[in-house]
Amino acid sequence: NQEQGLEVVAKWTQAAEKAKDPNALY
């Protein structure tokens, strides 16, 4: 579960790095 959680966090971190509209992430 922790490994899967880390993968999910990594995915969202990448999305935040590339987001053109940061407010859409919320």
PDB file of all heavy atoms in Angstrom:
ATOM      1  N   ASN A   1       0.830  -1.215   0.000  1.00  0.00           N
ATOM      2  CA  ASN A   1       0.000   0.000   0.000  1.00  0.00           C
ATOM      3  C   ASN A   1       0.857   1.256   0.000  1.00  0.00           C
ATOM      4  O   ASN A   1       0.535   2.237  -0.677  1.00  0.00           O
ATOM      5  CB  ASN A   1      -0.938   0.001   1.208  1.00  0.00           C
ATOM      6  CG  ASN A   1      -2.068  -0.977   1.061  1.00  0.00           C
ATOM      7  OD1 ASN A   1      -2.380  -1.437  -0.038  1.00  0.00           O
ATOM      8  ND2 ASN A   1      -2.688  -1.347   2.169  1.00  0.00           N
ATOM      9  N   GLN A   2       1.946   1.232   0.762  1.00  0.00           N
ATOM     10  CA  GLN A   2       2.834   2.393   0.791  1.00  0.00           C
ATOM     11  C   GLN A   2       3.489   2.602  -0.570  1.00  0.00           C
ATOM     12  O   GLN A   2       3.615   3.734  -1.035  1.00  0.00           O
ATOM     13  CB  GLN A   2       3.892   2.220   1.880  1.00  0.00           C
ATOM     14  CG  GLN A   2       3.337   2.373   3.273  1.00  0.00           C
ATOM     15  CD  GLN A   2       4.351   2.068   4.353  1.00  0.00           C
ATOM     16  OE1 GLN A   2       5.369   1.433   4.117  1.00  0.00           O
ATOM     17  NE2 GLN A   2       4.065   2.507   5.562  1.00  0.00           N
ATOM     18  N   GLU A   3       3.888   1.514  -1.193  1.00  0.00           N
ATOM     19  CA  GLU A   3       4.507   1.608  -2.523  1.00  0.00           C
ATOM     20  C   GLU A   3       3.514   2.182  -3.527  1.00  0.00           C
ATOM     21  O   GLU A   3       3.856   3.063  -4.324  1.00  0.00           O
ATOM     22  CB  GLU A   3       4.971   0.220  -2.968  1.00  0.00           C
ATOM     23  CG  GLU A   3       5.768   0.229  -4.245  1.00  0.00           C
ATOM     24  CD  GLU A   3       6.272  -1.164  -4.603  1.00  0.00           C
ATOM     25  OE1 GLU A   3       6.712  -1.887  -3.698  1.00  0.00           O
ATOM     26  OE2 GLU A   3       6.200  -1.511  -5.801  1.00  0.00           O
ATOM     27  N   GLN A   4       2.270   1.696  -3.474  1.00  0.00           N
ATOM     28  CA  GLN A   4       1.242   2.214  -4.378  1.00  0.00           C
ATOM     29  C   GLN A   4       0.973   3.685  -4.087  1.00  0.00           C
ATOM     30  O   GLN A   4       0.791   4.485  -5.001  1.00  0.00           O
ATOM     31  CB  GLN A   4      -0.033   1.391  -4.259  1.00  0.00           C
ATOM     32  CG  GLN A   4       0.102  -0.001  -4.821  1.00  0.00           C
ATOM     33  CD  GLN A   4      -1.088  -0.893  -4.481  1.00  0.00           C
ATOM     34  OE1 GLN A   4      -1.896  -0.581  -3.618  1.00  0.00           O
ATOM     35  NE2 GLN A   4      -1.178  -2.020  -5.166  1.00  0.00           N
ATOM     36  N   GLY A   5       0.964   4.048  -2.795  1.00  0.00           N
ATOM     37  CA  GLY A   5       0.759   5.440  -2.416  1.00  0.00           C
ATOM     38  C   GLY A   5       1.858   6.332  -2.944  1.00  0.00           C
ATOM     39  O   GLY A   5       1.605   7.438  -3.437  1.00  0.00           O
ATOM     40  N   LEU A   6       3.104   5.858  -2.873  1.00  0.00           N
ATOM     41  CA  LEU A   6       4.228   6.634  -3.400  1.00  0.00           C
ATOM     42  C   LEU A   6       4.112   6.820  -4.906  1.00  0.00           C
ATOM     43  O   LEU A   6       4.437   7.889  -5.433  1.00  0.00           O
ATOM     44  CB  LEU A   6       5.551   5.951  -3.050  1.00  0.00           C
ATOM     45  CG  LEU A   6       5.945   5.988  -1.578  1.00  0.00           C
ATOM     46  CD1 LEU A   6       7.181   5.134  -1.329  1.00  0.00           C
ATOM     47  CD2 LEU A   6       6.172   7.414  -1.104  1.00  0.00           C
ATOM     48  N   GLU A   7       3.639   5.791  -5.606  1.00  0.00           N
ATOM     49  CA  GLU A   7       3.444   5.898  -7.054  1.00  0.00           C
ATOM     50  C   GLU A   7       2.383   6.948  -7.378  1.00  0.00           C
ATOM     51  O   GLU A   7       2.538   7.729  -8.313  1.00  0.00           O
ATOM     52  CB  GLU A   7       3.045   4.542  -7.634  1.00  0.00           C
ATOM     53  CG  GLU A   7       4.176   3.525  -7.650  1.00  0.00           C
ATOM     54  CD  GLU A   7       3.722   2.126  -8.052  1.00  0.00           C
ATOM     55  OE1 GLU A   7       2.542   1.965  -8.448  1.00  0.00           O
ATOM     56  OE2 GLU A   7       4.539   1.202  -7.966  1.00  0.00           O
ATOM     57  N   VAL A   8       1.316   6.972  -6.593  1.00  0.00           N
ATOM     58  CA  VAL A   8       0.240   7.950  -6.809  1.00  0.00           C
ATOM     59  C   VAL A   8       0.767   9.358  -6.552  1.00  0.00           C
ATOM     60  O   VAL A   8       0.517  10.282  -7.332  1.00  0.00           O
ATOM     61  CB  VAL A   8      -0.978   7.637  -5.905  1.00  0.00           C
ATOM     62  CG1 VAL A   8      -1.999   8.764  -5.933  1.00  0.00           C
ATOM     63  CG2 VAL A   8      -1.626   6.323  -6.319  1.00  0.00           C
ATOM     64  N   VAL A   9       1.524   9.521  -5.471  1.00  0.00           N
ATOM     65  CA  VAL A   9       2.095  10.834  -5.158  1.00  0.00           C
ATOM     66  C   VAL A   9       3.031  11.280  -6.281  1.00  0.00           C
ATOM     67  O   VAL A   9       2.992  12.437  -6.712  1.00  0.00           O
ATOM     68  CB  VAL A   9       2.834  10.807  -3.794  1.00  0.00           C
ATOM     69  CG1 VAL A   9       3.634  12.091  -3.580  1.00  0.00           C
ATOM     70  CG2 VAL A   9       1.841  10.603  -2.652  1.00  0.00           C
ATOM     71  N   ALA A  10       3.849  10.360  -6.794  1.00  0.00           N
ATOM     72  CA  ALA A  10       4.776  10.703  -7.886  1.00  0.00           C
ATOM     73  C   ALA A  10       4.004  11.153  -9.128  1.00  0.00           C
ATOM     74  O   ALA A  10       4.398  12.113  -9.798  1.00  0.00           O
ATOM     75  CB  ALA A  10       5.670   9.507  -8.204  1.00  0.00           C
ATOM     76  N   LYS A  11       2.905  10.471  -9.417  1.00  0.00           N
ATOM     77  CA  LYS A  11       2.090  10.825 -10.586  1.00  0.00           C
ATOM     78  C   LYS A  11       1.539  12.247 -10.448  1.00  0.00           C
ATOM     79  O   LYS A  11       1.609  13.051 -11.382  1.00  0.00           O
ATOM     80  CB  LYS A  11       0.942   9.823 -10.729  1.00  0.00           C
ATOM     81  CG  LYS A  11      -0.003  10.108 -11.872  1.00  0.00           C
ATOM     82  CD  LYS A  11      -1.159   9.132 -11.862  1.00  0.00           C
ATOM     83  CE  LYS A  11      -2.426   9.944 -11.921  1.00  0.00           C
ATOM     84  NZ  LYS A  11      -3.629   9.241 -11.639  1.00  0.00           N
ATOM     85  N   TRP A  12       1.007  12.569  -9.274  1.00  0.00           N
ATOM     86  CA  TRP A  12       0.437  13.902  -9.056  1.00  0.00           C
ATOM     87  C   TRP A  12       1.529  14.968  -8.992  1.00  0.00           C
ATOM     88  O   TRP A  12       1.307  16.112  -9.399  1.00  0.00           O
ATOM     89  CB  TRP A  12      -0.421  13.919  -7.797  1.00  0.00           C
ATOM     90  CG  TRP A  12      -1.752  13.277  -8.019  1.00  0.00           C
ATOM     91  CD1 TRP A  12      -2.092  11.982  -7.740  1.00  0.00           C
ATOM     92  CD2 TRP A  12      -2.911  13.868  -8.589  1.00  0.00           C
ATOM     93  NE1 TRP A  12      -3.391  11.749  -8.102  1.00  0.00           N
ATOM     94  CE2 TRP A  12      -3.924  12.892  -8.620  1.00  0.00           C
ATOM     95  CE3 TRP A  12      -3.197  15.137  -9.081  1.00  0.00           C
ATOM     96  CZ2 TRP A  12      -5.195  13.142  -9.115  1.00  0.00           C
ATOM     97  CZ3 TRP A  12      -4.466  15.397  -9.570  1.00  0.00           C
ATOM     98  CH2 TRP A  12      -5.446  14.409  -9.582  1.00  0.00           C
ATOM     99  N   THR A  13       2.703  14.611  -8.495  1.00  0.00           N
ATOM    100  CA  THR A  13       3.820  15.560  -8.471  1.00  0.00           C
ATOM    101  C   THR A  13       4.208  15.942  -9.889  1.00  0.00           C
ATOM    102  O   THR A  13       4.427  17.122 -10.196  1.00  0.00           O
ATOM    103  CB  THR A  13       5.028  14.947  -7.714  1.00  0.00           C
ATOM    104  OG1 THR A  13       4.627  14.640  -6.379  1.00  0.00           O
ATOM    105  CG2 THR A  13       6.198  15.910  -7.682  1.00  0.00           C
ATOM    106  N   GLN A  14       4.255  14.953 -10.769  1.00  0.00           N
ATOM    107  CA  GLN A  14       4.560  15.224 -12.181  1.00  0.00           C
ATOM    108  C   GLN A  14       3.487  16.113 -12.800  1.00  0.00           C
ATOM    109  O   GLN A  14       3.796  17.020 -13.579  1.00  0.00           O
ATOM    110  CB  GLN A  14       4.678  13.918 -12.960  1.00  0.00           C
ATOM    111  CG  GLN A  14       5.925  13.133 -12.628  1.00  0.00           C
ATOM    112  CD  GLN A  14       5.957  11.772 -13.310  1.00  0.00           C
ATOM    113  OE1 GLN A  14       4.987  11.333 -13.913  1.00  0.00           O
ATOM    114  NE2 GLN A  14       7.099  11.100 -13.202  1.00  0.00           N
ATOM    115  N   ALA A  15       2.238  15.864 -12.425  1.00  0.00           N
ATOM    116  CA  ALA A  15       1.146  16.703 -12.946  1.00  0.00           C
ATOM    117  C   ALA A  15       1.323  18.147 -12.478  1.00  0.00           C
ATOM    118  O   ALA A  15       1.096  19.091 -13.246  1.00  0.00           O
ATOM    119  CB  ALA A  15      -0.208  16.148 -12.500  1.00  0.00           C
ATOM    120  N   ALA A  16       1.754  18.328 -11.222  1.00  0.00           N
ATOM    121  CA  ALA A  16       1.962  19.684 -10.693  1.00  0.00           C
ATOM    122  C   ALA A  16       3.144  20.367 -11.371  1.00  0.00           C
ATOM    123  O   ALA A  16       3.134  21.586 -11.564  1.00  0.00           O
ATOM    124  CB  ALA A  16       2.175  19.627  -9.181  1.00  0.00           C
ATOM    125  N   GLU A  17       4.139  19.578 -11.745  1.00  0.00           N
ATOM    126  CA  GLU A  17       5.309  20.149 -12.424  1.00  0.00           C
ATOM    127  C   GLU A  17       4.952  20.671 -13.808  1.00  0.00           C
ATOM    128  O   GLU A  17       5.556  21.625 -14.297  1.00  0.00           O
ATOM    129  CB  GLU A  17       6.418  19.085 -12.546  1.00  0.00           C
ATOM    130  CG  GLU A  17       7.077  18.747 -11.225  1.00  0.00           C
ATOM    131  CD  GLU A  17       7.969  17.511 -11.301  1.00  0.00           C
ATOM    132  OE1 GLU A  17       7.907  16.774 -12.311  1.00  0.00           O
ATOM    133  OE2 GLU A  17       8.714  17.282 -10.335  1.00  0.00           O
ATOM    134  N   LYS A  18       3.958  20.054 -14.448  1.00  0.00           N
ATOM    135  CA  LYS A  18       3.602  20.397 -15.826  1.00  0.00           C
ATOM    136  C   LYS A  18       2.322  21.221 -15.952  1.00  0.00           C
ATOM    137  O   LYS A  18       1.992  21.677 -17.040  1.00  0.00           O
ATOM    138  CB  LYS A  18       3.428  19.115 -16.644  1.00  0.00           C
ATOM    139  CG  LYS A  18       4.680  18.274 -16.725  1.00  0.00           C
ATOM    140  CD  LYS A  18       4.407  16.953 -17.412  1.00  0.00           C
ATOM    141  CE  LYS A  18       5.646  16.079 -17.418  1.00  0.00           C
ATOM    142  NZ  LYS A  18       5.409  14.755 -17.953  1.00  0.00           N
ATOM    143  N   ALA A  19       1.585  21.374 -14.870  1.00  0.00           N
ATOM    144  CA  ALA A  19       0.260  21.993 -14.943  1.00  0.00           C
ATOM    145  C   ALA A  19       0.320  23.415 -15.486  1.00  0.00           C
ATOM    146  O   ALA A  19       1.073  24.249 -15.003  1.00  0.00           O
ATOM    147  CB  ALA A  19      -0.385  21.993 -13.560  1.00  0.00           C
ATOM    148  N   LYS A  20      -0.511  23.651 -16.511  1.00  0.00           N
ATOM    149  CA  LYS A  20      -0.633  25.006 -17.051  1.00  0.00           C
ATOM    150  C   LYS A  20      -1.582  25.821 -16.168  1.00  0.00           C
ATOM    151  O   LYS A  20      -1.420  27.022 -16.031  1.00  0.00           O
ATOM    152  CB  LYS A  20      -1.145  24.934 -18.488  1.00  0.00           C
ATOM    153  CG  LYS A  20      -0.112  24.352 -19.413  1.00  0.00           C
ATOM    154  CD  LYS A  20      -0.560  24.437 -20.848  1.00  0.00           C
ATOM    155  CE  LYS A  20       0.576  24.097 -21.744  1.00  0.00           C
ATOM    156  NZ  LYS A  20       0.722  22.997 -22.443  1.00  0.00           N
ATOM    157  N   ASP A  21      -2.586  25.135 -15.596  1.00  0.00           N
ATOM    158  CA  ASP A  21      -3.544  25.786 -14.701  1.00  0.00           C
ATOM    159  C   ASP A  21      -3.468  25.098 -13.335  1.00  0.00           C
ATOM    160  O   ASP A  21      -4.162  24.112 -13.103  1.00  0.00           O
ATOM    161  CB  ASP A  21      -4.962  25.694 -15.264  1.00  0.00           C
ATOM    162  CG  ASP A  21      -6.000  26.321 -14.350  1.00  0.00           C
ATOM    163  OD1 ASP A  21      -5.610  27.003 -13.375  1.00  0.00           O
ATOM    164  OD2 ASP A  21      -7.199  26.113 -14.595  1.00  0.00           O
ATOM    165  N   PRO A  22      -2.628  25.581 -12.421  1.00  0.00           N
ATOM    166  CA  PRO A  22      -2.476  24.933 -11.116  1.00  0.00           C
ATOM    167  C   PRO A  22      -3.780  24.793 -10.347  1.00  0.00           C
ATOM    168  O   PRO A  22      -3.969  23.837  -9.614  1.00  0.00           O
ATOM    169  CB  PRO A  22      -1.506  25.853 -10.371  1.00  0.00           C
ATOM    170  CG  PRO A  22      -0.763  26.570 -11.435  1.00  0.00           C
ATOM    171  CD  PRO A  22      -1.736  26.720 -12.565  1.00  0.00           C
ATOM    172  N   ASN A  23      -4.710  25.726 -10.546  1.00  0.00           N
ATOM    173  CA  ASN A  23      -5.961  25.673  -9.790  1.00  0.00           C
ATOM    174  C   ASN A  23      -6.851  24.505 -10.193  1.00  0.00           C
ATOM    175  O   ASN A  23      -7.690  24.066  -9.422  1.00  0.00           O
ATOM    176  CB  ASN A  23      -6.704  27.007  -9.901  1.00  0.00           C
ATOM    177  CG  ASN A  23      -5.990  28.072  -9.101  1.00  0.00           C
ATOM    178  OD1 ASN A  23      -5.641  27.842  -7.949  1.00  0.00           O
ATOM    179  ND2 ASN A  23      -5.723  29.201  -9.715  1.00  0.00           N
ATOM    180  N   ALA A  24      -6.662  23.985 -11.375  1.00  0.00           N
ATOM    181  CA  ALA A  24      -7.447  22.825 -11.789  1.00  0.00           C
ATOM    182  C   ALA A  24      -7.059  21.582 -10.976  1.00  0.00           C
ATOM    183  O   ALA A  24      -7.866  20.666 -10.809  1.00  0.00           O
ATOM    184  CB  ALA A  24      -7.257  22.560 -13.279  1.00  0.00           C
ATOM    185  N   LEU A  25      -5.845  21.551 -10.441  1.00  0.00           N
ATOM    186  CA  LEU A  25      -5.388  20.390  -9.670  1.00  0.00           C
ATOM    187  C   LEU A  25      -6.208  20.186  -8.399  1.00  0.00           C
ATOM    188  O   LEU A  25      -6.448  19.059  -7.991  1.00  0.00           O
ATOM    189  CB  LEU A  25      -3.905  20.532  -9.311  1.00  0.00           C
ATOM    190  CG  LEU A  25      -2.938  20.385 -10.473  1.00  0.00           C
ATOM    191  CD1 LEU A  25      -1.522  20.703 -10.030  1.00  0.00           C
ATOM    192  CD2 LEU A  25      -3.007  18.991 -11.056  1.00  0.00           C
ATOM    193  N   TYR A  26      -6.628  21.289  -7.792  1.00  0.00           N
ATOM    194  CA  TYR A  26      -7.424  21.175  -6.562  1.00  0.00           C
ATOM    195  C   TYR A  26      -8.693  20.371  -6.825  1.00  0.00           C
ATOM    196  O   TYR A  26      -9.010  19.435  -6.092  1.00  0.00           O
ATOM    197  CB  TYR A  26      -7.763  22.565  -6.007  1.00  0.00           C
ATOM    198  CG  TYR A  26      -8.661  22.505  -4.795  1.00  0.00           C
ATOM    199  CD1 TYR A  26      -8.150  22.105  -3.567  1.00  0.00           C
ATOM    200  CD2 TYR A  26     -10.012  22.835  -4.877  1.00  0.00           C
ATOM    201  CE1 TYR A  26      -8.958  22.043  -2.448  1.00  0.00           C
ATOM    202  CE2 TYR A  26     -10.824  22.770  -3.767  1.00  0.00           C
ATOM    203  CZ  TYR A  26     -10.298  22.375  -2.563  1.00  0.00           C
ATOM    204  OH  TYR A  26     -11.106  22.298  -1.451  1.00  0.00           O
TER     205      TYR A  26
END
